Every structure is written in structure tokens, then in C-alpha cells.
Amino acid sequence: MANNASARKRIRQTEKRTIRNKARRSRVRGFIRKVEQAIASGDKGIAAAALVAAQPEMQRAVTKGVFHLNTVSRKLSRLSARIKAIGATAEA
């Protein structure tokens, strides 16, 4: 256990940061889930709108240190590719 004031303060800060990060991560996952549900429904317009709403939230999580930049870039790239594929499968 922490024996001095600075160590106890660090513990308090870490607890607050953990709660904040968990909320941010959960929020981002919710946005991603909405995009994936829209993709599954097959409506390209709704899926694209959901991705536009999710993108700033995902980028914000990067600036807050919750996700790594490359992780978010990869997820955005894969989601946008899946949305583009909706139009390709519907036309074919």
C-alpha cells in the first residue's frame, strides 16, 4: 500500500483516469457497434452517416490516449471498406 502522500495521490489520479478511459472506450465501442449494425442492415446511407458520427469520437479517443492512432486508423479503414462493399454487392 502507498506509504506517502504523493503515492496516495497517484492512486487517486489513476482511479479517476481509469474510470474516464473506460467510459471513453465504451462510448467508442458503441459508435462502432452502430456502424456495424448499419452495415449488417445493408443500408449504405445509414452506415456512412454512422461512420461520419463515429470518426471524430474515435479520433478523440486517440488524442486522450485511450486508443493507439494506428488502431483507430485501421478500424476506420476497415469500416469504410465494408461500407463501400455494400454498394458493390448491391450493384453486382
PDB file of N, CA and C in Angstrom:
ATOM      1  N   MET A   1       0.847  -1.187   0.000  1.00  0.00           N
ATOM      2  CA  MET A   1       0.000   0.000   0.000  1.00  0.00           C
ATOM      3  C   MET A   1       0.888   1.244   0.000  1.00  0.00           C
ATOM      4  N   ALA A   2       0.320   2.345  -0.462  1.00  0.00           N
ATOM      5  CA  ALA A   2       1.063   3.597  -0.569  1.00  0.00           C
ATOM      6  C   ALA A   2       1.397   4.135   0.826  1.00  0.00           C
ATOM      7  N   ASN A   3       2.654   4.534   1.004  1.00  0.00           N
ATOM      8  CA  ASN A   3       3.104   4.998   2.309  1.00  0.00           C
ATOM      9  C   ASN A   3       3.301   6.502   2.400  1.00  0.00           C
ATOM     10  N   ASN A   4       3.237   7.206   1.273  1.00  0.00           N
ATOM     11  CA  ASN A   4       3.411   8.659   1.364  1.00  0.00           C
ATOM     12  C   ASN A   4       2.314   9.366   0.558  1.00  0.00           C
ATOM     13  N   ALA A   5       2.253  10.669   0.750  1.00  0.00           N
ATOM     14  CA  ALA A   5       1.161  11.456   0.179  1.00  0.00           C
ATOM     15  C   ALA A   5       1.164  11.417  -1.347  1.00  0.00           C
ATOM     16  N   SER A   6       2.338  11.491  -1.951  1.00  0.00           N
ATOM     17  CA  SER A   6       2.402  11.525  -3.417  1.00  0.00           C
ATOM     18  C   SER A   6       1.944  10.194  -4.012  1.00  0.00           C
ATOM     19  N   ALA A   7       2.262   9.096  -3.349  1.00  0.00           N
ATOM     20  CA  ALA A   7       1.833   7.784  -3.830  1.00  0.00           C
ATOM     21  C   ALA A   7       0.317   7.635  -3.701  1.00  0.00           C
ATOM     22  N   ARG A   8      -0.231   8.145  -2.587  1.00  0.00           N
ATOM     23  CA  ARG A   8      -1.698   8.078  -2.410  1.00  0.00           C
ATOM     24  C   ARG A   8      -2.401   8.932  -3.460  1.00  0.00           C
ATOM     25  N   LYS A   9      -1.825  10.101  -3.753  1.00  0.00           N
ATOM     26  CA  LYS A   9      -2.394  10.969  -4.787  1.00  0.00           C
ATOM     27  C   LYS A   9      -2.349  10.269  -6.142  1.00  0.00           C
ATOM     28  N   ARG A  10      -1.247   9.610  -6.447  1.00  0.00           N
ATOM     29  CA  ARG A  10      -1.116   8.874  -7.703  1.00  0.00           C
ATOM     30  C   ARG A  10      -2.207   7.816  -7.829  1.00  0.00           C
ATOM     31  N   ILE A  11      -2.497   7.134  -6.747  1.00  0.00           N
ATOM     32  CA  ILE A  11      -3.549   6.108  -6.752  1.00  0.00           C
ATOM     33  C   ILE A  11      -4.897   6.752  -7.060  1.00  0.00           C
ATOM     34  N   ARG A  12      -5.172   7.897  -6.411  1.00  0.00           N
ATOM     35  CA  ARG A  12      -6.441   8.594  -6.668  1.00  0.00           C
ATOM     36  C   ARG A  12      -6.530   9.022  -8.131  1.00  0.00           C
ATOM     37  N   GLN A  13      -5.428   9.564  -8.675  1.00  0.00           N
ATOM     38  CA  GLN A  13      -5.426  10.014 -10.064  1.00  0.00           C
ATOM     39  C   GLN A  13      -5.650   8.846 -11.024  1.00  0.00           C
ATOM     40  N   THR A  14      -5.011   7.730 -10.731  1.00  0.00           N
ATOM     41  CA  THR A  14      -5.126   6.558 -11.588  1.00  0.00           C
ATOM     42  C   THR A  14      -6.560   6.036 -11.596  1.00  0.00           C
ATOM     43  N   GLU A  15      -7.210   6.033 -10.439  1.00  0.00           N
ATOM     44  CA  GLU A  15      -8.603   5.576 -10.362  1.00  0.00           C
ATOM     45  C   GLU A  15      -9.515   6.463 -11.207  1.00  0.00           C
ATOM     46  N   LYS A  16      -9.336   7.786 -11.091  1.00  0.00           N
ATOM     47  CA  LYS A  16     -10.150   8.715 -11.879  1.00  0.00           C
ATOM     48  C   LYS A  16      -9.911   8.521 -13.369  1.00  0.00           C
ATOM     49  N   ARG A  17      -8.647   8.400 -13.747  1.00  0.00           N
ATOM     50  CA  ARG A  17      -8.293   8.248 -15.148  1.00  0.00           C
ATOM     51  C   ARG A  17      -8.835   6.927 -15.709  1.00  0.00           C
ATOM     52  N   THR A  18      -8.795   5.876 -14.896  1.00  0.00           N
ATOM     53  CA  THR A  18      -9.300   4.575 -15.326  1.00  0.00           C
ATOM     54  C   THR A  18     -10.792   4.652 -15.613  1.00  0.00           C
ATOM     55  N   ILE A  19     -11.533   5.316 -14.753  1.00  0.00           N
ATOM     56  CA  ILE A  19     -12.981   5.469 -14.953  1.00  0.00           C
ATOM     57  C   ILE A  19     -13.257   6.259 -16.223  1.00  0.00           C
ATOM     58  N   ARG A  20     -12.507   7.351 -16.409  1.00  0.00           N
ATOM     59  CA  ARG A  20     -12.685   8.198 -17.585  1.00  0.00           C
ATOM     60  C   ARG A  20     -12.361   7.435 -18.868  1.00  0.00           C
ATOM     61  N   ASN A  21     -11.257   6.706 -18.848  1.00  0.00           N
ATOM     62  CA  ASN A  21     -10.841   5.952 -20.030  1.00  0.00           C
ATOM     63  C   ASN A  21     -11.827   4.831 -20.355  1.00  0.00           C
ATOM     64  N   LYS A  22     -12.354   4.192 -19.313  1.00  0.00           N
ATOM     65  CA  LYS A  22     -13.313   3.111 -19.523  1.00  0.00           C
ATOM     66  C   LYS A  22     -14.589   3.656 -20.173  1.00  0.00           C
ATOM     67  N   ALA A  23     -15.016   4.832 -19.732  1.00  0.00           N
ATOM     68  CA  ALA A  23     -16.210   5.459 -20.322  1.00  0.00           C
ATOM     69  C   ALA A  23     -15.950   5.837 -21.778  1.00  0.00           C
ATOM     70  N   ARG A  24     -14.788   6.390 -22.044  1.00  0.00           N
ATOM     71  CA  ARG A  24     -14.438   6.780 -23.421  1.00  0.00           C
ATOM     72  C   ARG A  24     -14.370   5.554 -24.322  1.00  0.00           C
ATOM     73  N   ARG A  25     -13.736   4.486 -23.846  1.00  0.00           N
ATOM     74  CA  ARG A  25     -13.606   3.258 -24.634  1.00  0.00           C
ATOM     75  C   ARG A  25     -14.984   2.655 -24.918  1.00  0.00           C
ATOM     76  N   SER A  26     -15.849   2.663 -23.910  1.00  0.00           N
ATOM     77  CA  SER A  26     -17.197   2.134 -24.075  1.00  0.00           C
ATOM     78  C   SER A  26     -17.984   2.960 -25.090  1.00  0.00           C
ATOM     79  N   ARG A  27     -17.838   4.274 -25.027  1.00  0.00           N
ATOM     80  CA  ARG A  27     -18.535   5.168 -25.951  1.00  0.00           C
ATOM     81  C   ARG A  27     -18.093   4.903 -27.391  1.00  0.00           C
ATOM     82  N   VAL A  28     -16.798   4.749 -27.594  1.00  0.00           N
ATOM     83  CA  VAL A  28     -16.274   4.479 -28.938  1.00  0.00           C
ATOM     84  C   VAL A  28     -16.800   3.145 -29.447  1.00  0.00           C
ATOM     85  N   ARG A  29     -16.794   2.137 -28.578  1.00  0.00           N
ATOM     86  CA  ARG A  29     -17.301   0.823 -28.983  1.00  0.00           C
ATOM     87  C   ARG A  29     -18.772   0.898 -29.374  1.00  0.00           C
ATOM     88  N   GLY A  30     -19.530   1.737 -28.677  1.00  0.00           N
ATOM     89  CA  GLY A  30     -20.942   1.927 -29.023  1.00  0.00           C
ATOM     90  C   GLY A  30     -21.101   2.524 -30.408  1.00  0.00           C
ATOM     91  N   PHE A  31     -20.278   3.512 -30.731  1.00  0.00           N
ATOM     92  CA  PHE A  31     -20.322   4.121 -32.063  1.00  0.00           C
ATOM     93  C   PHE A  31     -19.960   3.093 -33.130  1.00  0.00           C
ATOM     94  N   ILE A  32     -18.928   2.286 -32.848  1.00  0.00           N
ATOM     95  CA  ILE A  32     -18.517   1.256 -33.807  1.00  0.00           C
ATOM     96  C   ILE A  32     -19.640   0.236 -33.991  1.00  0.00           C
ATOM     97  N   ARG A  33     -20.293  -0.125 -32.904  1.00  0.00           N
ATOM     98  CA  ARG A  33     -21.400  -1.087 -32.967  1.00  0.00           C
ATOM     99  C   ARG A  33     -22.531  -0.555 -33.851  1.00  0.00           C
ATOM    100  N   LYS A  34     -22.824   0.739 -33.739  1.00  0.00           N
ATOM    101  CA  LYS A  34     -23.873   1.329 -34.578  1.00  0.00           C
ATOM    102  C   LYS A  34     -23.501   1.257 -36.055  1.00  0.00           C
ATOM    103  N   VAL A  35     -22.228   1.500 -36.366  1.00  0.00           N
ATOM    104  CA  VAL A  35     -21.766   1.412 -37.753  1.00  0.00           C
ATOM    105  C   VAL A  35     -21.911  -0.025 -38.252  1.00  0.00           C
ATOM    106  N   GLU A  36     -21.485  -0.985 -37.436  1.00  0.00           N
ATOM    107  CA  GLU A  36     -21.548  -2.390 -37.846  1.00  0.00           C
ATOM    108  C   GLU A  36     -22.990  -2.854 -38.022  1.00  0.00           C
ATOM    109  N   GLN A  37     -23.898  -2.378 -37.181  1.00  0.00           N
ATOM    110  CA  GLN A  37     -25.312  -2.736 -37.329  1.00  0.00           C
ATOM    111  C   GLN A  37     -25.870  -2.148 -38.623  1.00  0.00           C
ATOM    112  N   ALA A  38     -25.473  -0.936 -38.940  1.00  0.00           N
ATOM    113  CA  ALA A  38     -25.929  -0.302 -40.177  1.00  0.00           C
ATOM    114  C   ALA A  38     -25.385  -1.057 -41.388  1.00  0.00           C
ATOM    115  N   ILE A  39     -24.135  -1.517 -41.303  1.00  0.00           N
ATOM    116  CA  ILE A  39     -23.550  -2.306 -42.388  1.00  0.00           C
ATOM    117  C   ILE A  39     -24.321  -3.609 -42.545  1.00  0.00           C
ATOM    118  N   ALA A  40     -24.644  -4.233 -41.417  1.00  0.00           N
ATOM    119  CA  ALA A  40     -25.374  -5.503 -41.447  1.00  0.00           C
ATOM    120  C   ALA A  40     -26.773  -5.332 -42.036  1.00  0.00           C
ATOM    121  N   SER A  41     -27.372  -4.166 -41.807  1.00  0.00           N
ATOM    122  CA  SER A  41     -28.711  -3.926 -42.359  1.00  0.00           C
ATOM    123  C   SER A  41     -28.666  -3.734 -43.866  1.00  0.00           C
ATOM    124  N   GLY A  42     -27.495  -3.380 -44.388  1.00  0.00           N
ATOM    125  CA  GLY A  42     -27.323  -3.247 -45.830  1.00  0.00           C
ATOM    126  C   GLY A  42     -27.652  -1.871 -46.381  1.00  0.00           C
ATOM    127  N   ASP A  43     -27.936  -0.902 -45.516  1.00  0.00           N
ATOM    128  CA  ASP A  43     -28.252   0.455 -45.966  1.00  0.00           C
ATOM    129  C   ASP A  43     -26.975   1.288 -45.984  1.00  0.00           C
ATOM    130  N   LYS A  44     -26.493   1.578 -47.160  1.00  0.00           N
ATOM    131  CA  LYS A  44     -25.215   2.285 -47.306  1.00  0.00           C
ATOM    132  C   LYS A  44     -25.283   3.700 -46.739  1.00  0.00           C
ATOM    133  N   GLY A  45     -26.403   4.393 -46.932  1.00  0.00           N
ATOM    134  CA  GLY A  45     -26.541   5.769 -46.448  1.00  0.00           C
ATOM    135  C   GLY A  45     -26.480   5.862 -44.936  1.00  0.00           C
ATOM    136  N   ILE A  46     -27.208   4.984 -44.273  1.00  0.00           N
ATOM    137  CA  ILE A  46     -27.212   4.987 -42.810  1.00  0.00           C
ATOM    138  C   ILE A  46     -25.835   4.598 -42.284  1.00  0.00           C
ATOM    139  N   ALA A  47     -25.203   3.613 -42.930  1.00  0.00           N
ATOM    140  CA  ALA A  47     -23.882   3.165 -42.499  1.00  0.00           C
ATOM    141  C   ALA A  47     -22.855   4.287 -42.652  1.00  0.00           C
ATOM    142  N   ALA A  48     -22.926   5.009 -43.766  1.00  0.00           N
ATOM    143  CA  ALA A  48     -21.987   6.109 -43.995  1.00  0.00           C
ATOM    144  C   ALA A  48     -22.203   7.220 -42.960  1.00  0.00           C
ATOM    145  N   ALA A  49     -23.465   7.505 -42.657  1.00  0.00           N
ATOM    146  CA  ALA A  49     -23.764   8.530 -41.655  1.00  0.00           C
ATOM    147  C   ALA A  49     -23.267   8.104 -40.275  1.00  0.00           C
ATOM    148  N   ALA A  50     -23.414   6.830 -39.963  1.00  0.00           N
ATOM    149  CA  ALA A  50     -22.946   6.321 -38.671  1.00  0.00           C
ATOM    150  C   ALA A  50     -21.422   6.408 -38.586  1.00  0.00           C
ATOM    151  N   LEU A  51     -20.748   6.146 -39.698  1.00  0.00           N
ATOM    152  CA  LEU A  51     -19.285   6.241 -39.716  1.00  0.00           C
ATOM    153  C   LEU A  51     -18.832   7.693 -39.543  1.00  0.00           C
ATOM    154  N   VAL A  52     -19.540   8.620 -40.176  1.00  0.00           N
ATOM    155  CA  VAL A  52     -19.211  10.044 -40.035  1.00  0.00           C
ATOM    156  C   VAL A  52     -19.373  10.478 -38.572  1.00  0.00           C
ATOM    157  N   ALA A  53     -20.375   9.926 -37.888  1.00  0.00           N
ATOM    158  CA  ALA A  53     -20.576  10.255 -36.477  1.00  0.00           C
ATOM    159  C   ALA A  53     -19.519   9.594 -35.593  1.00  0.00           C
ATOM    160  N   ALA A  54     -19.078   8.401 -35.971  1.00  0.00           N
ATOM    161  CA  ALA A  54     -18.122   7.652 -35.155  1.00  0.00           C
ATOM    162  C   ALA A  54     -16.694   8.181 -35.285  1.00  0.00           C
ATOM    163  N   GLN A  55     -16.354   8.683 -36.446  1.00  0.00           N
ATOM    164  CA  GLN A  55     -14.967   9.065 -36.715  1.00  0.00           C
ATOM    165  C   GLN A  55     -14.410  10.094 -35.723  1.00  0.00           C
ATOM    166  N   PRO A  56     -15.084  11.215 -35.469  1.00  0.00           N
ATOM    167  CA  PRO A  56     -14.497  12.174 -34.524  1.00  0.00           C
ATOM    168  C   PRO A  56     -14.352  11.610 -33.117  1.00  0.00           C
ATOM    169  N   GLU A  57     -15.295  10.759 -32.724  1.00  0.00           N
ATOM    170  CA  GLU A  57     -15.221  10.162 -31.390  1.00  0.00           C
ATOM    171  C   GLU A  57     -14.012   9.228 -31.287  1.00  0.00           C
ATOM    172  N   MET A  58     -13.757   8.495 -32.354  1.00  0.00           N
ATOM    173  CA  MET A  58     -12.605   7.591 -32.372  1.00  0.00           C
ATOM    174  C   MET A  58     -11.301   8.386 -32.365  1.00  0.00           C
ATOM    175  N   GLN A  59     -11.251   9.467 -33.137  1.00  0.00           N
ATOM    176  CA  GLN A  59     -10.048  10.293 -33.173  1.00  0.00           C
ATOM    177  C   GLN A  59      -9.814  10.975 -31.823  1.00  0.00           C
ATOM    178  N   ARG A  60     -10.887  11.360 -31.164  1.00  0.00           N
ATOM    179  CA  ARG A  60     -10.773  11.992 -29.851  1.00  0.00           C
ATOM    180  C   ARG A  60     -10.184  10.998 -28.844  1.00  0.00           C
ATOM    181  N   ALA A  61     -10.575   9.733 -28.960  1.00  0.00           N
ATOM    182  CA  ALA A  61     -10.027   8.709 -28.066  1.00  0.00           C
ATOM    183  C   ALA A  61      -8.521   8.568 -28.270  1.00  0.00           C
ATOM    184  N   VAL A  62      -8.055   8.796 -29.492  1.00  0.00           N
ATOM    185  CA  VAL A  62      -6.612   8.750 -29.765  1.00  0.00           C
ATOM    186  C   VAL A  62      -5.919   9.896 -29.036  1.00  0.00           C
ATOM    187  N   THR A  63      -6.475  11.096 -29.135  1.00  0.00           N
ATOM    188  CA  THR A  63      -5.828  12.249 -28.501  1.00  0.00           C
ATOM    189  C   THR A  63      -5.826  12.124 -26.988  1.00  0.00           C
ATOM    190  N   LYS A  64      -6.797  11.401 -26.438  1.00  0.00           N
ATOM    191  CA  LYS A  64      -6.861  11.205 -24.989  1.00  0.00           C
ATOM    192  C   LYS A  64      -6.004  10.025 -24.530  1.00  0.00           C
ATOM    193  N   GLY A  65      -5.441   9.296 -25.489  1.00  0.00           N
ATOM    194  CA  GLY A  65      -4.563   8.189 -25.135  1.00  0.00           C
ATOM    195  C   GLY A  65      -5.280   6.896 -24.835  1.00  0.00           C
ATOM    196  N   VAL A  66      -6.543   6.802 -25.184  1.00  0.00           N
ATOM    197  CA  VAL A  66      -7.309   5.584 -24.908  1.00  0.00           C
ATOM    198  C   VAL A  66      -7.006   4.513 -25.953  1.00  0.00           C
ATOM    199  N   PHE A  67      -6.899   4.931 -27.209  1.00  0.00           N
ATOM    200  CA  PHE A  67      -6.561   4.018 -28.293  1.00  0.00           C
ATOM    201  C   PHE A  67      -5.307   4.526 -28.993  1.00  0.00           C
ATOM    202  N   HIS A  68      -4.590   3.626 -29.625  1.00  0.00           N
ATOM    203  CA  HIS A  68      -3.423   3.994 -30.413  1.00  0.00           C
ATOM    204  C   HIS A  68      -3.892   4.506 -31.770  1.00  0.00           C
ATOM    205  N   LEU A  69      -3.157   5.442 -32.323  1.00  0.00           N
ATOM    206  CA  LEU A  69      -3.516   6.049 -33.605  1.00  0.00           C
ATOM    207  C   LEU A  69      -3.675   4.996 -34.701  1.00  0.00           C
ATOM    208  N   ASN A  70      -2.742   4.066 -34.793  1.00  0.00           N
ATOM    209  CA  ASN A  70      -2.808   3.059 -35.845  1.00  0.00           C
ATOM    210  C   ASN A  70      -4.011   2.135 -35.680  1.00  0.00           C
ATOM    211  N   THR A  71      -4.406   1.872 -34.446  1.00  0.00           N
ATOM    212  CA  THR A  71      -5.571   1.028 -34.185  1.00  0.00           C
ATOM    213  C   THR A  71      -6.827   1.684 -34.737  1.00  0.00           C
ATOM    214  N   VAL A  72      -6.995   2.962 -34.430  1.00  0.00           N
ATOM    215  CA  VAL A  72      -8.175   3.687 -34.901  1.00  0.00           C
ATOM    216  C   VAL A  72      -8.144   3.827 -36.418  1.00  0.00           C
ATOM    217  N   SER A  73      -6.979   4.119 -36.973  1.00  0.00           N
ATOM    218  CA  SER A  73      -6.864   4.238 -38.427  1.00  0.00           C
ATOM    219  C   SER A  73      -7.250   2.933 -39.106  1.00  0.00           C
ATOM    220  N   ARG A  74      -6.781   1.824 -38.558  1.00  0.00           N
ATOM    221  CA  ARG A  74      -7.101   0.507 -39.122  1.00  0.00           C
ATOM    222  C   ARG A  74      -8.598   0.235 -39.054  1.00  0.00           C
ATOM    223  N   LYS A  75      -9.207   0.528 -37.901  1.00  0.00           N
ATOM    224  CA  LYS A  75     -10.642   0.284 -37.738  1.00  0.00           C
ATOM    225  C   LYS A  75     -11.468   1.145 -38.699  1.00  0.00           C
ATOM    226  N   LEU A  76     -11.093   2.423 -38.813  1.00  0.00           N
ATOM    227  CA  LEU A  76     -11.810   3.310 -39.726  1.00  0.00           C
ATOM    228  C   LEU A  76     -11.669   2.834 -41.171  1.00  0.00           C
ATOM    229  N   SER A  77     -10.473   2.418 -41.532  1.00  0.00           N
ATOM    230  CA  SER A  77     -10.226   1.939 -42.885  1.00  0.00           C
ATOM    231  C   SER A  77     -11.065   0.703 -43.191  1.00  0.00           C
ATOM    232  N   ARG A  78     -11.099  -0.227 -42.265  1.00  0.00           N
ATOM    233  CA  ARG A  78     -11.854  -1.464 -42.486  1.00  0.00           C
ATOM    234  C   ARG A  78     -13.349  -1.201 -42.529  1.00  0.00           C
ATOM    235  N   LEU A  79     -13.834  -0.304 -41.669  1.00  0.00           N
ATOM    236  CA  LEU A  79     -15.259   0.018 -41.688  1.00  0.00           C
ATOM    237  C   LEU A  79     -15.650   0.694 -42.994  1.00  0.00           C
ATOM    238  N   SER A  80     -14.827   1.641 -43.448  1.00  0.00           N
ATOM    239  CA  SER A  80     -15.151   2.343 -44.698  1.00  0.00           C
ATOM    240  C   SER A  80     -15.085   1.381 -45.879  1.00  0.00           C
ATOM    241  N   ALA A  81     -14.162   0.423 -45.849  1.00  0.00           N
ATOM    242  CA  ALA A  81     -14.089  -0.568 -46.929  1.00  0.00           C
ATOM    243  C   ALA A  81     -15.344  -1.434 -46.940  1.00  0.00           C
ATOM    244  N   ARG A  82     -15.838  -1.784 -45.747  1.00  0.00           N
ATOM    245  CA  ARG A  82     -17.065  -2.587 -45.675  1.00  0.00           C
ATOM    246  C   ARG A  82     -18.267  -1.791 -46.170  1.00  0.00           C
ATOM    247  N   ILE A  83     -18.282  -0.493 -45.901  1.00  0.00           N
ATOM    248  CA  ILE A  83     -19.390   0.340 -46.374  1.00  0.00           C
ATOM    249  C   ILE A  83     -19.336   0.447 -47.901  1.00  0.00           C
ATOM    250  N   LYS A  84     -18.142   0.621 -48.448  1.00  0.00           N
ATOM    251  CA  LYS A  84     -18.005   0.666 -49.911  1.00  0.00           C
ATOM    252  C   LYS A  84     -18.451  -0.643 -50.534  1.00  0.00           C
ATOM    253  N   ALA A  85     -18.195  -1.743 -49.864  1.00  0.00           N
ATOM    254  CA  ALA A  85     -18.565  -3.068 -50.385  1.00  0.00           C
ATOM    255  C   ALA A  85     -20.086  -3.239 -50.442  1.00  0.00           C
ATOM    256  N   ILE A  86     -20.813  -2.513 -49.621  1.00  0.00           N
ATOM    257  CA  ILE A  86     -22.279  -2.612 -49.652  1.00  0.00           C
ATOM    258  C   ILE A  86     -22.789  -2.207 -51.025  1.00  0.00           C
ATOM    259  N   GLY A  87     -22.289  -1.092 -51.544  1.00  0.00           N
ATOM    260  CA  GLY A  87     -22.710  -0.628 -52.856  1.00  0.00           C
ATOM    261  C   GLY A  87     -22.284  -1.585 -53.964  1.00  0.00           C
ATOM    262  N   ALA A  88     -21.107  -2.170 -53.814  1.00  0.00           N
ATOM    263  CA  ALA A  88     -20.591  -3.067 -54.845  1.00  0.00           C
ATOM    264  C   ALA A  88     -21.408  -4.353 -54.900  1.00  0.00           C
ATOM    265  N   THR A  89     -21.809  -4.878 -53.751  1.00  0.00           N
ATOM    266  CA  THR A  89     -22.582  -6.115 -53.746  1.00  0.00           C
ATOM    267  C   THR A  89     -24.018  -5.875 -54.209  1.00  0.00           C
ATOM    268  N   ALA A  90     -24.542  -4.686 -53.918  1.00  0.00           N
ATOM    269  CA  ALA A  90     -25.906  -4.378 -54.328  1.00  0.00           C
ATOM    270  C   ALA A  90     -25.992  -4.191 -55.853  1.00  0.00           C
ATOM    271  N   GLU A  91     -24.933  -3.635 -56.446  1.00  0.00           N
ATOM    272  CA  GLU A  91     -24.944  -3.392 -57.889  1.00  0.00           C
ATOM    273  C   GLU A  91     -24.661  -4.659 -58.685  1.00  0.00           C
ATOM    274  N   ALA A  92     -23.900  -5.564 -58.115  1.00  0.00           N
ATOM    275  CA  ALA A  92     -23.478  -6.775 -58.842  1.00  0.00           C
ATOM    276  C   ALA A  92     -24.590  -7.796 -58.978  1.00  0.00           C
TER     277      ALA A  92
END
